[in-house]
Protein backbone atom coordinates (compact mmCIF):
# COMPACT_ATOMS: atom_id res chain seq x y z
CA UNK A 1 33.61 2.25 -34.75
CA UNK A 2 31.63 -0.35 -36.66
CA UNK A 3 29.10 1.19 -39.03
CA UNK A 4 26.49 -1.31 -37.86
CA UNK A 5 26.15 -3.58 -34.81
CA UNK A 6 23.55 -6.34 -34.98
CA UNK A 7 22.49 -7.82 -31.63
CA UNK A 8 20.92 -11.30 -31.71
CA UNK A 9 19.57 -13.16 -28.70
CA UNK A 10 20.23 -16.88 -28.44
CA UNK A 11 17.53 -19.41 -29.28
CA UNK A 12 14.95 -20.89 -26.94
CA UNK A 13 16.17 -23.35 -24.30
CA UNK A 14 14.42 -25.88 -22.05
CA UNK A 15 14.88 -23.44 -19.14
CA UNK A 16 12.90 -20.69 -20.89
CA UNK A 17 9.15 -20.53 -20.46
CA UNK A 18 6.38 -18.04 -21.08
CA UNK A 19 5.18 -18.98 -17.59
CA UNK A 20 7.45 -16.94 -15.31
CA UNK A 21 6.82 -19.35 -12.42
CA UNK A 22 8.78 -22.05 -14.25
CA UNK A 23 11.25 -19.82 -16.11
CA UNK A 24 14.58 -20.89 -14.61
CA UNK A 25 17.52 -18.47 -14.56
CA UNK A 26 20.86 -19.62 -15.94
CA UNK A 27 24.31 -18.77 -14.63
CA UNK A 28 27.95 -19.01 -15.63
CA UNK A 29 29.25 -21.75 -13.35
CA UNK A 30 26.85 -24.55 -14.26
CA UNK A 31 26.55 -23.80 -17.96
CA UNK A 32 24.82 -26.94 -19.15
CA UNK A 33 21.68 -25.75 -20.97
CA UNK A 34 21.69 -25.73 -24.76
CA UNK A 35 18.98 -25.03 -27.31
CA UNK A 36 15.63 -26.74 -27.57
CA UNK A 37 14.41 -28.00 -30.93
CA UNK A 38 12.37 -24.80 -31.20
CA UNK A 39 15.50 -22.78 -30.55
CA UNK A 40 17.46 -24.57 -33.26
CA UNK A 41 14.72 -24.04 -35.82
CA UNK A 42 14.38 -20.35 -34.90
CA UNK A 43 18.14 -19.87 -35.25
CA UNK A 44 17.91 -21.17 -38.82
CA UNK A 45 15.10 -18.69 -39.55
CA UNK A 46 17.11 -15.82 -38.10
CA UNK A 47 20.17 -16.77 -40.14
CA UNK A 48 18.08 -16.49 -43.30
CA UNK A 49 16.96 -13.00 -42.24
CA UNK A 50 20.55 -11.94 -41.58
CA UNK A 51 21.63 -12.73 -45.14
CA UNK A 52 20.44 -9.27 -46.23
CA UNK A 53 23.23 -7.66 -44.19
CA UNK A 54 26.81 -7.64 -45.43
CA UNK A 55 28.21 -8.98 -42.17
CA UNK A 56 31.97 -8.71 -41.83
CA UNK A 57 32.54 -10.32 -38.43
CA UNK A 58 30.63 -12.35 -35.85
CA UNK A 59 31.22 -12.64 -32.12
CA UNK A 60 29.26 -14.77 -29.69
CA UNK A 61 29.02 -15.24 -25.96
CA UNK A 62 30.94 -18.35 -24.96
CA UNK A 63 28.05 -19.83 -22.95
CA UNK A 64 26.44 -23.02 -24.25
CA UNK A 65 23.14 -21.60 -25.54
CA UNK A 66 24.81 -18.79 -27.49
CA UNK A 67 27.52 -21.10 -28.79
CA UNK A 68 24.92 -23.46 -30.23
CA UNK A 69 23.02 -20.52 -31.75
CA UNK A 70 26.23 -19.24 -33.33
CA UNK A 71 27.06 -22.65 -34.79
CA UNK A 72 23.75 -22.71 -36.65
CA UNK A 73 23.89 -19.11 -37.86
CA UNK A 74 27.53 -19.20 -38.98
CA UNK A 75 27.04 -22.44 -40.89
CA UNK A 76 24.18 -20.91 -42.89
CA UNK A 77 25.93 -17.57 -43.44
CA UNK A 78 29.29 -19.14 -44.24
CA UNK A 79 31.14 -16.81 -41.88
CA UNK A 80 33.43 -17.88 -39.05
CA UNK A 81 32.80 -16.53 -35.55
CA UNK A 82 34.80 -15.74 -32.43
CA UNK A 83 33.70 -16.50 -28.85
CA UNK A 84 34.03 -13.59 -26.43
CA UNK A 85 33.30 -13.51 -22.66
CA UNK A 86 32.64 -9.75 -22.72
CA UNK A 87 29.20 -10.38 -24.27
CA UNK A 88 28.06 -12.99 -21.76
CA UNK A 89 24.76 -12.61 -19.94
CA UNK A 90 24.92 -10.80 -16.60
CA UNK A 91 26.43 -13.13 -14.02
CA UNK A 92 23.39 -14.07 -11.91
CA UNK A 93 25.44 -15.54 -9.07
CA UNK A 94 23.25 -17.29 -6.49
CA UNK A 95 20.09 -16.51 -8.51
CA UNK A 96 21.13 -19.12 -11.09
CA UNK A 97 19.13 -22.36 -11.31
CA UNK A 98 16.20 -20.80 -9.41
CA UNK A 99 12.89 -19.90 -11.00
CA UNK A 100 11.64 -16.33 -10.95
CA UNK A 101 8.77 -17.43 -8.75
CA UNK A 102 11.13 -19.03 -6.20
CA UNK A 103 13.19 -15.84 -5.99
CA UNK A 104 10.13 -13.63 -5.68
CA UNK A 105 8.75 -15.74 -2.81
CA UNK A 106 11.91 -16.77 -0.96
CA UNK A 107 14.26 -13.82 -1.61
CA UNK A 108 11.82 -10.99 -2.16
CA UNK A 109 14.09 -8.14 -1.02
CA UNK A 110 16.93 -9.18 -3.32
CA UNK A 111 14.49 -9.83 -6.18
CA UNK A 112 13.05 -6.33 -5.84
CA UNK A 113 16.57 -4.88 -5.92
CA UNK A 114 17.28 -6.92 -9.04
CA UNK A 115 14.20 -5.47 -10.77
CA UNK A 116 15.05 -1.89 -9.73
CA UNK A 117 17.34 -0.61 -12.46
CA UNK A 118 18.00 2.76 -10.81
CA UNK A 119 20.89 1.45 -8.71
CA UNK A 120 23.59 0.26 -11.14
CA UNK A 121 25.95 -0.70 -8.31
CA UNK A 122 23.69 -3.23 -6.57
CA UNK A 123 25.34 -6.60 -7.01
CA UNK A 124 23.61 -9.96 -7.18
CA UNK A 125 25.13 -12.12 -4.42
CA UNK A 126 27.98 -13.98 -6.06
CA UNK A 127 27.28 -12.23 -9.36
CA UNK A 128 27.45 -8.91 -11.17
CA UNK A 129 26.00 -5.44 -10.88
CA UNK A 130 24.52 -3.59 -13.85
CA UNK A 131 27.60 -1.40 -13.85
CA UNK A 132 29.74 -4.50 -14.35
CA UNK A 133 27.71 -5.29 -17.48
CA UNK A 134 27.99 -1.67 -18.68
CA UNK A 135 31.78 -1.89 -18.25
CA UNK A 136 31.95 -5.12 -20.23
CA UNK A 137 29.99 -3.62 -23.10
CA UNK A 138 32.17 -0.50 -23.13
CA UNK A 139 35.23 -2.76 -23.34
CA UNK A 140 33.65 -4.76 -26.16
CA UNK A 141 32.73 -1.60 -28.04
CA UNK A 142 36.33 -0.39 -27.72
CA UNK A 143 37.53 -3.72 -29.11
CA UNK A 144 35.12 -3.47 -32.05
CA UNK A 145 36.08 0.14 -32.73
CA UNK A 146 39.76 -0.78 -32.91
CA UNK A 147 39.39 -3.96 -34.94
CA UNK A 148 36.29 -3.37 -37.09
CA UNK A 149 36.04 0.30 -38.10
CA UNK A 150 33.20 0.97 -40.54
CA UNK A 151 32.26 -2.71 -40.67
CA UNK A 152 29.05 -4.58 -39.89
CA UNK A 153 29.45 -6.77 -36.82
CA UNK A 154 27.04 -9.38 -35.46
CA UNK A 155 26.98 -10.10 -31.70
CA UNK A 156 25.13 -13.24 -30.58
CA UNK A 157 24.35 -12.66 -26.93
CA UNK A 158 21.60 -12.62 -24.29
CA UNK A 159 18.39 -10.77 -23.45
CA UNK A 160 19.66 -9.21 -20.22
CA UNK A 161 22.81 -8.00 -21.94
CA UNK A 162 20.87 -6.56 -24.88
CA UNK A 163 18.26 -4.71 -22.84
CA UNK A 164 20.96 -3.31 -20.53
CA UNK A 165 22.90 -2.03 -23.55
CA UNK A 166 19.81 -0.48 -25.16
CA UNK A 167 18.32 1.00 -21.98
CA UNK A 168 21.31 1.96 -19.87
CA UNK A 169 24.30 2.43 -22.17
CA UNK A 170 22.55 4.20 -25.04
CA UNK A 171 19.43 5.45 -23.24
CA UNK A 172 16.98 4.32 -25.93
CA UNK A 173 14.45 3.35 -23.23
CA UNK A 174 13.50 4.78 -19.85
CA UNK A 175 15.24 3.39 -16.76
CA UNK A 176 12.03 1.97 -15.32
CA UNK A 177 11.11 0.16 -18.53
CA UNK A 178 11.54 -3.53 -19.23
CA UNK A 179 13.00 -3.97 -22.69
CA UNK A 180 11.56 -7.07 -24.35
CA UNK A 181 14.05 -9.16 -26.32
CA UNK A 182 12.61 -12.25 -28.00
CA UNK A 183 14.57 -15.42 -28.69
CA UNK A 184 16.67 -15.18 -31.88
CA UNK A 185 15.34 -11.65 -32.55
CA UNK A 186 17.76 -9.16 -34.05
CA UNK A 187 18.25 -5.50 -33.20
CA UNK A 188 20.23 -3.11 -35.38
CA UNK A 189 22.39 -0.19 -34.20
CA UNK A 190 23.64 2.17 -36.90
CA UNK A 191 26.53 4.58 -36.40
CA UNK A 192 25.54 8.23 -36.16
CA UNK A 193 28.35 10.72 -35.53
CA UNK A 194 30.27 9.34 -32.52
CA UNK A 195 27.46 7.11 -31.23
CA UNK A 196 24.64 4.87 -32.49
CA UNK A 197 20.95 5.14 -33.26
CA UNK A 198 18.43 2.34 -32.89
CA UNK A 199 17.25 1.58 -36.43
CA UNK A 200 15.64 -1.83 -35.88
CA UNK A 201 14.43 -3.40 -32.64
CA UNK A 202 13.51 -6.96 -31.66
CA UNK A 203 12.70 -8.20 -35.17
């Protein structure tokens, strides 16, 4: 197992908004949204913060917004990185390209199921269930354990992926809670016995 796993969310994109009515969800199939200027600047700031860690390896989700975030961070850190589909955001299927407000109004039953984290097997139409995401993380953790024992590994990924890992896989937060993950924030997991403890969150 890696001694430390650092989770970083991608930078801000034009689809992200503090106004949930206009916050547009992004999917896998039409992966065309990269970083905004704000997102690029924030990625540079985060890279500077990450210099204090002795990072051995970096992986990033192969979607456009995480790829662009990784390019900025790796250039500043001087470390190469590997794309990996196992750390993609949850596949949002037919929710993709819709705003949260549109889904709440026009597909209220499905939206309520999406927000209810107690049923890990409910699947977004055309997309993934929470259990699918849990399985992907378990596979990624197995890969890291085999290839990076006692190393510090950086994963550049997505908010939904991170809060699912923290809340559901490790149980750091209650099932009914929404785990906030800010753009380009970093969260640190440190190995403790045969698992991990949360030593830094959303910084």
